[in-house]
Amino acid sequence: MEDSPTDSQKDFSQLLCIIEQLRGEQGCPWDRKQTPQTLKRYLLEECQELIEAIDAQQREGICEEIGDVLFLLGFLISIYAEQGHFSASDTFHGIISKMIRRHPHVFAGQSVS
């Protein structure tokens, strides 16, 4: 049941587009007024729900809660990008570089493209 990287990339890109639309001029008033500070409580709640689903070994719940956490992370990326602080690519390149750097035994000689 594995998605191809292309499917996953398209899906994540679509999620970011949905977030942009929600926060856009014609978007949802609630989503438009959110800030990193207001999202903290939801991030904590969703992470706690994910932990509970993992503890209960509820695969469907785990999948749903991962989606909720991923949505909030994308939401935060979008807010910071709107403010000109960093982009989604900056976030991805940062974590990719860190993982490659921390796992030289796996990624010997590889760098971020």
N, C-alpha and C. Protein backbone atom coordinates (compact mmCIF):
# COMPACT_ATOMS: atom_id res chain seq x y z
N MET A 1 0.82 -1.18 0.00
CA MET A 1 0.00 0.00 0.00
C MET A 1 0.87 1.24 0.00
N GLU A 2 2.06 1.14 -0.51
CA GLU A 2 3.00 2.25 -0.53
C GLU A 2 2.73 3.15 -1.72
N ASP A 3 2.72 4.45 -1.47
CA ASP A 3 2.59 5.43 -2.54
C ASP A 3 3.94 5.63 -3.19
N SER A 4 3.92 5.98 -4.47
CA SER A 4 5.17 6.33 -5.12
C SER A 4 5.57 7.71 -4.61
N PRO A 5 6.87 8.01 -4.65
CA PRO A 5 7.29 9.35 -4.22
C PRO A 5 6.54 10.46 -4.96
N THR A 6 6.25 10.23 -6.23
CA THR A 6 5.54 11.24 -7.00
C THR A 6 4.14 11.46 -6.44
N ASP A 7 3.42 10.37 -6.09
CA ASP A 7 2.09 10.50 -5.50
C ASP A 7 2.15 11.26 -4.19
N SER A 8 3.10 10.91 -3.35
CA SER A 8 3.24 11.58 -2.06
C SER A 8 3.59 13.05 -2.23
N GLN A 9 4.45 13.35 -3.17
CA GLN A 9 4.83 14.74 -3.43
C GLN A 9 3.62 15.54 -3.90
N LYS A 10 2.84 14.95 -4.80
CA LYS A 10 1.63 15.63 -5.30
C LYS A 10 0.65 15.85 -4.16
N ASP A 11 0.47 14.83 -3.34
CA ASP A 11 -0.47 14.94 -2.23
C ASP A 11 -0.04 16.03 -1.24
N PHE A 12 1.26 16.06 -0.91
CA PHE A 12 1.71 17.08 0.04
C PHE A 12 1.61 18.46 -0.58
N SER A 13 1.92 18.56 -1.85
CA SER A 13 1.78 19.84 -2.55
C SER A 13 0.33 20.29 -2.54
N GLN A 14 -0.60 19.35 -2.75
CA GLN A 14 -2.02 19.69 -2.72
C GLN A 14 -2.43 20.16 -1.32
N LEU A 15 -1.91 19.50 -0.28
CA LEU A 15 -2.21 19.92 1.09
C LEU A 15 -1.74 21.36 1.32
N LEU A 16 -0.53 21.68 0.89
CA LEU A 16 -0.04 23.05 1.05
C LEU A 16 -0.89 24.04 0.27
N CYS A 17 -1.37 23.65 -0.90
CA CYS A 17 -2.25 24.53 -1.69
C CYS A 17 -3.58 24.74 -0.98
N ILE A 18 -4.11 23.70 -0.36
CA ILE A 18 -5.35 23.81 0.41
C ILE A 18 -5.16 24.78 1.56
N ILE A 19 -4.03 24.66 2.26
CA ILE A 19 -3.75 25.58 3.37
C ILE A 19 -3.67 27.02 2.87
N GLU A 20 -2.98 27.22 1.75
CA GLU A 20 -2.89 28.58 1.17
C GLU A 20 -4.28 29.11 0.84
N GLN A 21 -5.13 28.26 0.29
CA GLN A 21 -6.49 28.68 -0.06
C GLN A 21 -7.29 29.01 1.20
N LEU A 22 -7.16 28.18 2.23
CA LEU A 22 -7.86 28.45 3.49
C LEU A 22 -7.44 29.78 4.10
N ARG A 23 -6.15 30.13 3.94
CA ARG A 23 -5.63 31.37 4.53
C ARG A 23 -5.72 32.55 3.57
N GLY A 24 -6.13 32.29 2.35
CA GLY A 24 -6.20 33.33 1.34
C GLY A 24 -7.34 34.31 1.55
N GLU A 25 -7.38 35.31 0.70
CA GLU A 25 -8.36 36.39 0.80
C GLU A 25 -9.80 35.88 0.82
N GLN A 26 -10.09 34.86 0.05
CA GLN A 26 -11.43 34.28 -0.02
C GLN A 26 -11.55 33.02 0.85
N GLY A 27 -10.58 32.84 1.73
CA GLY A 27 -10.52 31.63 2.54
C GLY A 27 -11.41 31.67 3.76
N CYS A 28 -11.10 30.81 4.69
CA CYS A 28 -11.87 30.65 5.92
C CYS A 28 -11.45 31.69 6.95
N PRO A 29 -12.41 32.44 7.50
CA PRO A 29 -12.05 33.46 8.50
C PRO A 29 -11.27 32.89 9.69
N TRP A 30 -11.65 31.71 10.16
CA TRP A 30 -10.96 31.11 11.30
C TRP A 30 -9.51 30.81 10.94
N ASP A 31 -9.29 30.18 9.78
CA ASP A 31 -7.93 29.83 9.35
C ASP A 31 -7.09 31.07 9.12
N ARG A 32 -7.69 32.12 8.58
CA ARG A 32 -6.96 33.35 8.27
C ARG A 32 -6.45 34.05 9.51
N LYS A 33 -7.15 33.91 10.63
CA LYS A 33 -6.73 34.63 11.83
C LYS A 33 -5.76 33.83 12.71
N GLN A 34 -5.46 32.61 12.32
CA GLN A 34 -4.56 31.79 13.14
C GLN A 34 -3.12 32.30 13.06
N THR A 35 -2.40 32.10 14.15
CA THR A 35 -0.99 32.47 14.26
C THR A 35 -0.25 31.27 14.85
N PRO A 36 1.08 31.31 14.83
CA PRO A 36 1.81 30.22 15.50
C PRO A 36 1.39 30.08 16.97
N GLN A 37 1.13 31.20 17.62
CA GLN A 37 0.73 31.14 19.04
C GLN A 37 -0.62 30.46 19.21
N THR A 38 -1.58 30.76 18.34
CA THR A 38 -2.90 30.16 18.49
C THR A 38 -2.90 28.69 18.09
N LEU A 39 -1.97 28.30 17.24
CA LEU A 39 -1.92 26.91 16.78
C LEU A 39 -1.21 25.98 17.77
N LYS A 40 -0.47 26.53 18.71
CA LYS A 40 0.28 25.69 19.66
C LYS A 40 -0.64 24.71 20.39
N ARG A 41 -1.77 25.18 20.85
CA ARG A 41 -2.66 24.31 21.62
C ARG A 41 -3.18 23.16 20.76
N TYR A 42 -3.49 23.44 19.48
CA TYR A 42 -3.98 22.39 18.58
C TYR A 42 -2.87 21.39 18.26
N LEU A 43 -1.66 21.88 18.12
CA LEU A 43 -0.54 21.00 17.86
C LEU A 43 -0.33 20.05 19.04
N LEU A 44 -0.40 20.58 20.24
CA LEU A 44 -0.28 19.73 21.43
C LEU A 44 -1.41 18.70 21.50
N GLU A 45 -2.63 19.14 21.23
CA GLU A 45 -3.78 18.23 21.25
C GLU A 45 -3.63 17.12 20.23
N GLU A 46 -3.26 17.48 19.02
CA GLU A 46 -3.14 16.48 17.96
C GLU A 46 -1.98 15.52 18.22
N CYS A 47 -0.88 16.03 18.76
CA CYS A 47 0.23 15.14 19.10
C CYS A 47 -0.18 14.18 20.21
N GLN A 48 -0.94 14.66 21.19
CA GLN A 48 -1.42 13.79 22.26
C GLN A 48 -2.37 12.72 21.70
N GLU A 49 -3.25 13.11 20.79
CA GLU A 49 -4.15 12.14 20.16
C GLU A 49 -3.38 11.11 19.36
N LEU A 50 -2.31 11.53 18.70
CA LEU A 50 -1.46 10.60 17.96
C LEU A 50 -0.80 9.62 18.91
N ILE A 51 -0.28 10.11 20.01
CA ILE A 51 0.36 9.24 21.00
C ILE A 51 -0.65 8.22 21.53
N GLU A 52 -1.86 8.66 21.81
CA GLU A 52 -2.90 7.75 22.30
C GLU A 52 -3.24 6.69 21.27
N ALA A 53 -3.32 7.07 20.00
CA ALA A 53 -3.61 6.11 18.94
C ALA A 53 -2.46 5.10 18.80
N ILE A 54 -1.23 5.58 18.92
CA ILE A 54 -0.07 4.69 18.86
C ILE A 54 -0.12 3.71 20.03
N ASP A 55 -0.36 4.22 21.23
CA ASP A 55 -0.43 3.36 22.41
C ASP A 55 -1.53 2.31 22.26
N ALA A 56 -2.65 2.68 21.66
CA ALA A 56 -3.77 1.75 21.47
C ALA A 56 -3.59 0.89 20.23
N GLN A 57 -2.54 1.13 19.47
CA GLN A 57 -2.24 0.40 18.24
C GLN A 57 -3.41 0.45 17.26
N GLN A 58 -4.02 1.62 17.16
CA GLN A 58 -5.16 1.84 16.26
C GLN A 58 -4.64 2.39 14.94
N ARG A 59 -4.43 1.52 13.98
CA ARG A 59 -3.82 1.94 12.72
C ARG A 59 -4.59 3.06 12.02
N GLU A 60 -5.90 2.95 11.96
CA GLU A 60 -6.69 4.00 11.30
C GLU A 60 -6.56 5.31 12.07
N GLY A 61 -6.60 5.23 13.39
CA GLY A 61 -6.46 6.43 14.21
C GLY A 61 -5.07 7.05 14.06
N ILE A 62 -4.06 6.20 13.99
CA ILE A 62 -2.69 6.69 13.81
C ILE A 62 -2.58 7.45 12.48
N CYS A 63 -3.12 6.85 11.44
CA CYS A 63 -3.08 7.49 10.11
C CYS A 63 -3.78 8.83 10.15
N GLU A 64 -4.96 8.88 10.75
CA GLU A 64 -5.72 10.13 10.83
C GLU A 64 -4.97 11.19 11.64
N GLU A 65 -4.43 10.78 12.77
CA GLU A 65 -3.74 11.75 13.63
C GLU A 65 -2.43 12.24 13.01
N ILE A 66 -1.73 11.36 12.31
CA ILE A 66 -0.53 11.81 11.59
C ILE A 66 -0.95 12.88 10.58
N GLY A 67 -2.08 12.66 9.90
CA GLY A 67 -2.58 13.66 8.96
C GLY A 67 -2.89 14.98 9.63
N ASP A 68 -3.51 14.91 10.82
CA ASP A 68 -3.82 16.15 11.54
C ASP A 68 -2.55 16.90 11.94
N VAL A 69 -1.56 16.16 12.43
CA VAL A 69 -0.29 16.80 12.81
C VAL A 69 0.40 17.38 11.57
N LEU A 70 0.38 16.61 10.49
CA LEU A 70 1.01 17.08 9.25
C LEU A 70 0.32 18.35 8.75
N PHE A 71 -1.01 18.39 8.85
CA PHE A 71 -1.75 19.59 8.45
C PHE A 71 -1.28 20.80 9.26
N LEU A 72 -1.18 20.62 10.57
CA LEU A 72 -0.77 21.74 11.42
C LEU A 72 0.66 22.17 11.12
N LEU A 73 1.54 21.22 10.84
CA LEU A 73 2.91 21.57 10.48
C LEU A 73 2.93 22.35 9.16
N GLY A 74 2.14 21.89 8.20
CA GLY A 74 2.03 22.63 6.94
C GLY A 74 1.45 24.01 7.15
N PHE A 75 0.49 24.11 8.06
CA PHE A 75 -0.13 25.39 8.40
C PHE A 75 0.93 26.34 8.97
N LEU A 76 1.77 25.83 9.87
CA LEU A 76 2.83 26.66 10.44
C LEU A 76 3.84 27.08 9.37
N ILE A 77 4.21 26.16 8.50
CA ILE A 77 5.12 26.50 7.41
C ILE A 77 4.52 27.63 6.58
N SER A 78 3.23 27.51 6.27
CA SER A 78 2.56 28.52 5.46
C SER A 78 2.57 29.89 6.13
N ILE A 79 2.29 29.92 7.41
CA ILE A 79 2.28 31.19 8.14
C ILE A 79 3.66 31.84 8.10
N TYR A 80 4.70 31.05 8.38
CA TYR A 80 6.05 31.61 8.39
C TYR A 80 6.49 32.02 6.98
N ALA A 81 6.06 31.28 5.97
CA ALA A 81 6.37 31.66 4.59
C ALA A 81 5.68 32.98 4.23
N GLU A 82 4.41 33.12 4.65
CA GLU A 82 3.67 34.37 4.40
C GLU A 82 4.41 35.57 5.00
N GLN A 83 5.02 35.35 6.14
CA GLN A 83 5.73 36.41 6.85
C GLN A 83 7.14 36.63 6.31
N GLY A 84 7.55 35.79 5.33
CA GLY A 84 8.85 35.94 4.71
C GLY A 84 10.01 35.37 5.52
N HIS A 85 9.71 34.55 6.51
CA HIS A 85 10.77 33.99 7.37
C HIS A 85 11.47 32.80 6.74
N PHE A 86 10.72 31.86 6.21
CA PHE A 86 11.29 30.70 5.51
C PHE A 86 10.20 30.02 4.72
N SER A 87 10.61 29.17 3.78
CA SER A 87 9.66 28.48 2.91
C SER A 87 9.58 27.00 3.29
N ALA A 88 8.64 26.31 2.68
CA ALA A 88 8.55 24.86 2.87
C ALA A 88 9.86 24.21 2.43
N SER A 89 10.42 24.67 1.31
CA SER A 89 11.69 24.11 0.83
C SER A 89 12.81 24.30 1.85
N ASP A 90 12.84 25.47 2.49
CA ASP A 90 13.84 25.71 3.52
C ASP A 90 13.71 24.67 4.63
N THR A 91 12.47 24.41 5.04
CA THR A 91 12.21 23.43 6.09
C THR A 91 12.68 22.05 5.66
N PHE A 92 12.31 21.64 4.45
CA PHE A 92 12.67 20.31 3.96
C PHE A 92 14.18 20.18 3.79
N HIS A 93 14.81 21.18 3.20
CA HIS A 93 16.26 21.12 3.02
C HIS A 93 16.98 21.06 4.36
N GLY A 94 16.47 21.79 5.34
CA GLY A 94 17.09 21.77 6.66
C GLY A 94 17.07 20.39 7.30
N ILE A 95 15.91 19.72 7.25
CA ILE A 95 15.81 18.40 7.88
C ILE A 95 16.55 17.35 7.05
N ILE A 96 16.53 17.48 5.74
CA ILE A 96 17.27 16.54 4.89
C ILE A 96 18.77 16.64 5.18
N SER A 97 19.28 17.86 5.24
CA SER A 97 20.70 18.06 5.55
C SER A 97 21.06 17.49 6.91
N LYS A 98 20.20 17.73 7.89
CA LYS A 98 20.46 17.24 9.24
C LYS A 98 20.49 15.71 9.27
N MET A 99 19.54 15.06 8.62
CA MET A 99 19.49 13.60 8.64
C MET A 99 20.68 12.99 7.91
N ILE A 100 21.07 13.58 6.80
CA ILE A 100 22.25 13.09 6.07
C ILE A 100 23.51 13.27 6.93
N ARG A 101 23.63 14.42 7.57
CA ARG A 101 24.77 14.71 8.43
C ARG A 101 24.82 13.77 9.64
N ARG A 102 23.68 13.45 10.22
CA ARG A 102 23.64 12.61 11.41
C ARG A 102 23.76 11.12 11.12
N HIS A 103 23.66 10.74 9.85
CA HIS A 103 23.72 9.32 9.50
C HIS A 103 24.77 9.06 8.41
N PRO A 104 26.03 9.42 8.68
CA PRO A 104 27.07 9.23 7.66
C PRO A 104 27.24 7.75 7.30
N HIS A 105 26.91 6.87 8.21
CA HIS A 105 27.03 5.43 7.95
C HIS A 105 26.02 4.97 6.90
N VAL A 106 24.98 5.74 6.66
CA VAL A 106 23.96 5.40 5.68
C VAL A 106 24.13 6.22 4.41
N PHE A 107 24.48 7.50 4.57
CA PHE A 107 24.50 8.43 3.45
C PHE A 107 25.91 8.90 3.09
N ALA A 108 26.90 8.07 3.29
CA ALA A 108 28.29 8.45 3.02
C ALA A 108 28.43 9.05 1.63
N GLY A 109 28.97 10.26 1.60
CA GLY A 109 29.23 10.94 0.33
C GLY A 109 28.03 11.63 -0.29
N GLN A 110 26.86 11.50 0.30
CA GLN A 110 25.67 12.15 -0.26
C GLN A 110 25.48 13.53 0.36
N SER A 111 24.88 14.40 -0.42
CA SER A 111 24.56 15.72 0.09
C SER A 111 23.16 16.09 -0.41
N VAL A 112 22.66 17.18 0.08
CA VAL A 112 21.35 17.67 -0.31
C VAL A 112 21.43 18.16 -1.75
N SER A 113 20.43 17.76 -2.55
CA SER A 113 20.41 18.21 -3.95
C SER A 113 19.66 19.49 -4.10
